[in-house]
Amino acid sequence: MKKPILRIRPFLLMGAAILVFSCSKDDDNGSTETQVSQNELNTVLQTDEISGIADDVIRDVIDNGYTAKSSGNETCYVADWMETGYSIAFDNCKEGGKNLNGSLSVVFKEEGGSYAYTVTYDELTVGDIELRGTRTIVFGGEENSLVMDVTSDLSLTMGDGKVISEKGVKRIALIIGADSSRVTVDGDWVVGIDSNTYTVSIPKVLETQIGCEYVGKGNMTLGKNGLEVFVDFGDGSCDDVAELEYPDGTKETISLKE
């Protein structure tokens, strides 16, 4: 059991790189069906950061390399090992500066040289955010790249009562170059924010240079309750600018900065 976990461990470090796709935690409650706001676009982009908080807990268990069938941080949680994974139960404990309650379970799988795990969040509260649902991550890549295929079916309840859901598939890659490295995102997924539904597809892969805070390259088609907007993130320059194009041909330049 321990061997495949340790082989998966290097890929989990990609979690930190994924955070370059996060910009804002607030959506615009005053937006209408005729436009997409800066904050709405940022919220669609940042759901990985929220669920990534729980991924930190998973990394912590793997980093500790527990060998007993039931082990854990006495001040925080108990990890019960199974043949194919483990479960973690929290009881109002603190880990990484966050209070945790609830539970999660992780099931590992190895097939054809690829490694994967599925996480099930059972009313897991991290700080003031509650997570429910599942996320499956399949790891791959070549010599100069690390790739994660992520299938999510998550519901996130924020401290202010806002509910954010995400369902769909993303391919997230960390590509290491001689002079610079970058993170790319591709896929199709649906984000729900309270009563609004956003469908996302990526005609041209999104790309962010490591060290840059914003998506700098690629295109996104973003549908909001029937309104479809084309989002152009630029030519690769490190800036906070994106251009929206509406169905009538109207274009709007927005900043991704908080």
Protein backbone atom coordinates (compact mmCIF):
# COMPACT_ATOMS: atom_id res chain seq x y z
CA MET A 1 0.00 0.00 0.00
CA LYS A 2 2.70 2.44 0.90
CA LYS A 3 4.67 2.09 -2.34
CA PRO A 4 2.02 3.44 -4.78
CA ILE A 5 1.25 6.33 -2.42
CA LEU A 6 4.87 7.40 -2.41
CA ARG A 7 4.99 7.17 -6.22
CA ILE A 8 1.97 9.46 -6.43
CA ARG A 9 3.38 11.99 -3.98
CA PRO A 10 5.50 14.11 -6.42
CA PHE A 11 2.44 14.82 -8.56
CA LEU A 12 0.53 16.23 -5.58
CA LEU A 13 2.95 19.16 -5.55
CA MET A 14 1.08 20.46 -8.60
CA GLY A 15 -1.60 21.71 -6.20
CA ALA A 16 0.47 24.79 -5.44
CA ALA A 17 0.93 25.57 -9.11
CA ILE A 18 -2.82 25.38 -9.78
CA LEU A 19 -3.38 28.39 -7.51
CA VAL A 20 -2.17 30.75 -10.25
CA PHE A 21 -5.65 30.37 -11.74
CA SER A 22 -7.34 31.96 -8.69
CA CYS A 23 -8.14 35.66 -8.51
CA SER A 24 -11.25 36.42 -6.46
CA LYS A 25 -13.65 34.85 -3.99
CA ASP A 26 -16.68 37.07 -4.54
CA ASP A 27 -19.26 37.12 -7.31
CA ASP A 28 -21.32 40.12 -8.35
CA ASN A 29 -24.84 39.78 -6.97
CA GLY A 30 -25.90 42.80 -9.03
CA SER A 31 -25.04 41.28 -12.40
CA THR A 32 -27.76 40.61 -14.99
CA GLU A 33 -28.29 38.09 -17.77
CA THR A 34 -27.00 40.61 -20.33
CA GLN A 35 -23.41 40.71 -19.11
CA VAL A 36 -20.69 38.85 -17.25
CA SER A 37 -18.82 40.74 -14.54
CA GLN A 38 -15.18 40.67 -13.53
CA ASN A 39 -16.03 38.98 -10.25
CA GLU A 40 -18.17 36.32 -11.92
CA LEU A 41 -15.32 35.38 -14.27
CA ASN A 42 -12.86 35.29 -11.37
CA THR A 43 -15.15 33.08 -9.29
CA VAL A 44 -15.49 30.61 -12.16
CA LEU A 45 -11.69 30.45 -12.35
CA GLN A 46 -11.04 30.01 -8.62
CA THR A 47 -12.97 26.90 -7.54
CA ASP A 48 -9.75 24.84 -7.64
CA GLU A 49 -8.29 27.01 -4.91
CA ILE A 50 -11.18 26.26 -2.57
CA SER A 51 -11.11 22.50 -3.04
CA GLY A 52 -7.30 22.70 -2.92
CA ILE A 53 -7.56 23.53 0.77
CA ALA A 54 -8.72 19.97 1.39
CA ASP A 55 -5.98 18.64 -0.91
CA ASP A 56 -3.45 20.09 1.54
CA VAL A 57 -4.83 17.73 4.20
CA ILE A 58 -4.40 14.77 1.85
CA ARG A 59 -0.79 15.77 1.15
CA ASP A 60 -0.15 16.05 4.88
CA VAL A 61 -1.25 12.45 5.49
CA ILE A 62 0.95 11.19 2.64
CA ASP A 63 3.93 13.29 3.77
CA ASN A 64 3.71 11.77 7.27
CA GLY A 65 3.96 8.31 5.70
CA TYR A 66 1.86 6.56 8.33
CA THR A 67 2.43 2.81 8.50
CA ALA A 68 -0.12 1.90 11.18
CA LYS A 69 -3.67 1.03 10.16
CA SER A 70 -4.99 3.83 12.34
CA SER A 71 -2.77 6.87 12.86
CA GLY A 72 -2.98 10.62 12.96
CA ASN A 73 -2.20 13.92 14.53
CA GLU A 74 -3.68 13.59 18.02
CA THR A 75 -4.60 17.27 18.03
CA CYS A 76 -6.34 17.06 14.67
CA TYR A 77 -7.47 13.85 13.00
CA VAL A 78 -7.39 10.08 12.75
CA ALA A 79 -6.50 8.35 9.48
CA ASP A 80 -7.83 4.80 9.06
CA TRP A 81 -5.99 2.86 6.39
CA MET A 82 -7.77 0.44 4.08
CA GLU A 83 -6.42 -1.94 1.45
CA THR A 84 -6.89 0.65 -1.32
CA GLY A 85 -6.74 3.96 0.53
CA TYR A 86 -7.77 5.61 3.78
CA SER A 87 -10.38 7.72 5.49
CA ILE A 88 -9.84 10.76 7.72
CA ALA A 89 -12.18 11.96 10.44
CA PHE A 90 -11.89 15.43 11.96
CA ASP A 91 -13.41 16.66 15.21
CA ASN A 92 -13.11 20.44 15.44
CA CYS A 93 -9.34 20.28 15.09
CA LYS A 94 -6.83 22.66 13.53
CA GLU A 95 -4.47 21.91 10.66
CA GLY A 96 -2.51 24.44 8.59
CA GLY A 97 -4.21 27.33 10.35
CA LYS A 98 -7.70 26.04 9.43
CA ASN A 99 -10.34 24.50 11.68
CA LEU A 100 -11.56 21.16 10.30
CA ASN A 101 -14.68 19.09 10.91
CA GLY A 102 -16.31 16.21 9.06
CA SER A 103 -14.56 13.52 7.05
CA LEU A 104 -13.09 12.51 3.71
CA SER A 105 -12.03 9.23 2.15
CA VAL A 106 -9.40 8.54 -0.47
CA VAL A 107 -9.25 5.52 -2.79
CA PHE A 108 -6.11 4.90 -4.87
CA LYS A 109 -5.90 3.09 -8.18
CA GLU A 110 -3.05 2.06 -10.49
CA GLU A 111 -3.76 1.05 -14.06
CA GLY A 112 -1.48 0.82 -17.07
CA GLY A 113 1.29 2.85 -15.47
CA SER A 114 -1.09 5.67 -14.48
CA TYR A 115 -1.98 6.51 -10.92
CA ALA A 116 -5.22 7.98 -9.67
CA TYR A 117 -7.16 8.70 -6.54
CA THR A 118 -10.77 9.55 -5.82
CA VAL A 119 -11.62 11.78 -2.87
CA THR A 120 -15.09 11.79 -1.33
CA TYR A 121 -15.85 14.79 0.89
CA ASP A 122 -18.51 14.08 3.52
CA GLU A 123 -19.62 17.43 4.93
CA LEU A 124 -15.95 18.36 5.34
CA THR A 125 -15.62 21.86 6.78
CA VAL A 126 -12.32 23.67 6.21
CA GLY A 127 -12.41 27.00 8.01
CA ASP A 128 -15.80 28.40 7.04
CA ILE A 129 -16.10 26.40 3.79
CA GLU A 130 -18.02 23.10 3.63
CA LEU A 131 -17.23 20.59 0.86
CA ARG A 132 -19.46 17.75 -0.35
CA GLY A 133 -19.03 15.43 -3.30
CA THR A 134 -16.20 13.72 -5.15
CA ARG A 135 -13.10 14.51 -7.15
CA THR A 136 -11.05 12.00 -9.14
CA ILE A 137 -7.50 12.85 -10.22
CA VAL A 138 -5.52 10.79 -12.74
CA PHE A 139 -1.80 11.55 -12.99
CA GLY A 140 0.34 11.38 -16.10
CA GLY A 141 2.95 13.36 -17.99
CA GLU A 142 6.24 13.10 -19.79
CA GLU A 143 9.82 14.09 -19.01
CA ASN A 144 9.17 17.84 -18.77
CA SER A 145 5.52 17.87 -17.77
CA LEU A 146 3.14 16.79 -15.04
CA VAL A 147 -0.51 16.29 -16.01
CA MET A 148 -3.67 15.87 -13.94
CA ASP A 149 -7.02 14.86 -15.42
CA VAL A 150 -9.53 16.06 -12.82
CA THR A 151 -13.18 14.96 -12.75
CA SER A 152 -15.20 16.93 -10.20
CA ASP A 153 -18.70 16.75 -8.79
CA LEU A 154 -18.43 19.13 -5.84
CA SER A 155 -20.62 21.44 -3.80
CA LEU A 156 -18.96 24.21 -1.78
CA THR A 157 -20.88 26.20 0.82
CA MET A 158 -19.11 29.42 1.77
CA GLY A 159 -19.20 31.07 5.18
CA ASP A 160 -21.66 33.70 3.97
CA GLY A 161 -24.09 31.00 2.77
CA LYS A 162 -23.15 31.27 -0.91
CA VAL A 163 -23.21 27.87 -2.64
CA ILE A 164 -20.71 27.14 -5.42
CA SER A 165 -20.83 23.86 -7.33
CA GLU A 166 -18.54 22.44 -9.98
CA LYS A 167 -19.10 19.44 -12.23
CA GLY A 168 -17.04 18.36 -15.22
CA VAL A 169 -13.54 17.51 -16.41
CA LYS A 170 -10.33 19.55 -16.56
CA ARG A 171 -6.83 18.72 -17.77
CA ILE A 172 -4.27 20.68 -15.77
CA ALA A 173 -0.62 20.51 -16.79
CA LEU A 174 2.60 21.89 -15.37
CA ILE A 175 5.07 22.25 -18.25
CA ILE A 176 8.68 22.86 -17.29
CA GLY A 177 10.78 24.77 -19.83
CA ALA A 178 14.45 25.65 -20.01
CA ASP A 179 13.78 29.37 -19.55
CA SER A 180 10.27 29.43 -18.08
CA SER A 181 7.52 27.14 -16.91
CA ARG A 182 3.76 27.37 -17.27
CA VAL A 183 0.48 25.90 -16.12
CA THR A 184 -2.22 25.07 -18.69
CA VAL A 185 -5.91 24.24 -18.26
CA ASP A 186 -8.26 22.58 -20.75
CA GLY A 187 -11.64 20.93 -20.43
CA ASP A 188 -15.40 21.42 -20.10
CA TRP A 189 -17.18 22.02 -16.81
CA VAL A 190 -20.20 23.66 -15.23
CA VAL A 191 -20.08 26.04 -12.26
CA GLY A 192 -23.14 26.95 -10.23
CA ILE A 193 -23.12 30.09 -8.08
CA ASP A 194 -26.35 30.35 -6.09
CA SER A 195 -29.09 30.66 -8.76
CA ASN A 196 -26.70 31.27 -11.69
CA THR A 197 -25.27 28.51 -13.88
CA TYR A 198 -22.04 28.96 -15.88
CA THR A 199 -20.94 26.51 -18.59
CA VAL A 200 -17.26 26.59 -19.48
CA SER A 201 -15.48 25.23 -22.54
CA ILE A 202 -11.93 25.93 -23.67
CA PRO A 203 -11.47 26.43 -27.45
CA LYS A 204 -7.82 27.35 -26.91
CA VAL A 205 -5.92 26.06 -23.86
CA LEU A 206 -5.58 28.56 -21.00
CA GLU A 207 -2.00 29.29 -20.06
CA THR A 208 -0.30 31.06 -17.17
CA GLN A 209 3.43 31.59 -16.81
CA ILE A 210 4.81 30.54 -13.43
CA GLY A 211 5.42 33.75 -11.52
CA CYS A 212 2.51 35.55 -13.17
CA GLU A 213 -0.67 35.99 -11.15
CA TYR A 214 -3.15 35.92 -14.04
CA VAL A 215 -4.16 33.76 -16.98
CA GLY A 216 -2.27 35.32 -19.88
CA LYS A 217 -3.15 33.24 -22.92
CA GLY A 218 -6.01 31.20 -24.38
CA ASN A 219 -9.76 31.46 -24.93
CA MET A 220 -12.81 30.48 -22.94
CA THR A 221 -16.45 30.25 -23.94
CA LEU A 222 -18.51 31.13 -20.89
CA GLY A 223 -22.25 30.60 -20.87
CA LYS A 224 -24.37 32.27 -18.19
CA ASN A 225 -28.03 31.24 -17.96
CA GLY A 226 -28.26 31.11 -21.76
CA LEU A 227 -25.97 34.08 -22.49
CA GLU A 228 -22.73 32.99 -24.21
CA VAL A 229 -19.62 35.16 -23.93
CA PHE A 230 -16.26 34.60 -25.61
CA VAL A 231 -13.31 35.41 -23.33
CA ASP A 232 -9.86 36.13 -24.78
CA PHE A 233 -7.06 36.16 -22.20
CA GLY A 234 -4.42 37.51 -24.57
CA ASP A 235 -1.21 36.52 -26.31
CA GLY A 236 0.80 35.33 -23.31
CA SER A 237 1.76 38.66 -21.77
CA CYS A 238 1.74 38.78 -17.98
CA ASP A 239 -1.11 41.22 -17.38
CA ASP A 240 -4.50 41.30 -15.67
CA VAL A 241 -6.47 42.08 -18.85
CA ALA A 242 -9.10 39.94 -20.59
CA GLU A 243 -11.47 40.81 -23.44
CA LEU A 244 -15.13 39.75 -23.46
CA GLU A 245 -17.09 39.48 -26.72
CA TYR A 246 -20.90 39.29 -26.54
CA PRO A 247 -23.23 37.66 -29.11
CA ASP A 248 -24.01 41.02 -30.75
CA GLY A 249 -20.29 41.63 -31.39
CA THR A 250 -19.88 44.11 -28.53
CA LYS A 251 -16.45 43.85 -26.90
CA GLU A 252 -15.48 44.79 -23.37
CA THR A 253 -12.03 44.87 -21.78
CA ILE A 254 -11.95 43.97 -18.09
CA SER A 255 -9.32 43.64 -15.40
CA LEU A 256 -8.87 40.37 -13.51
CA LYS A 257 -7.35 42.24 -10.59
CA GLU A 258 -9.26 42.15 -7.30
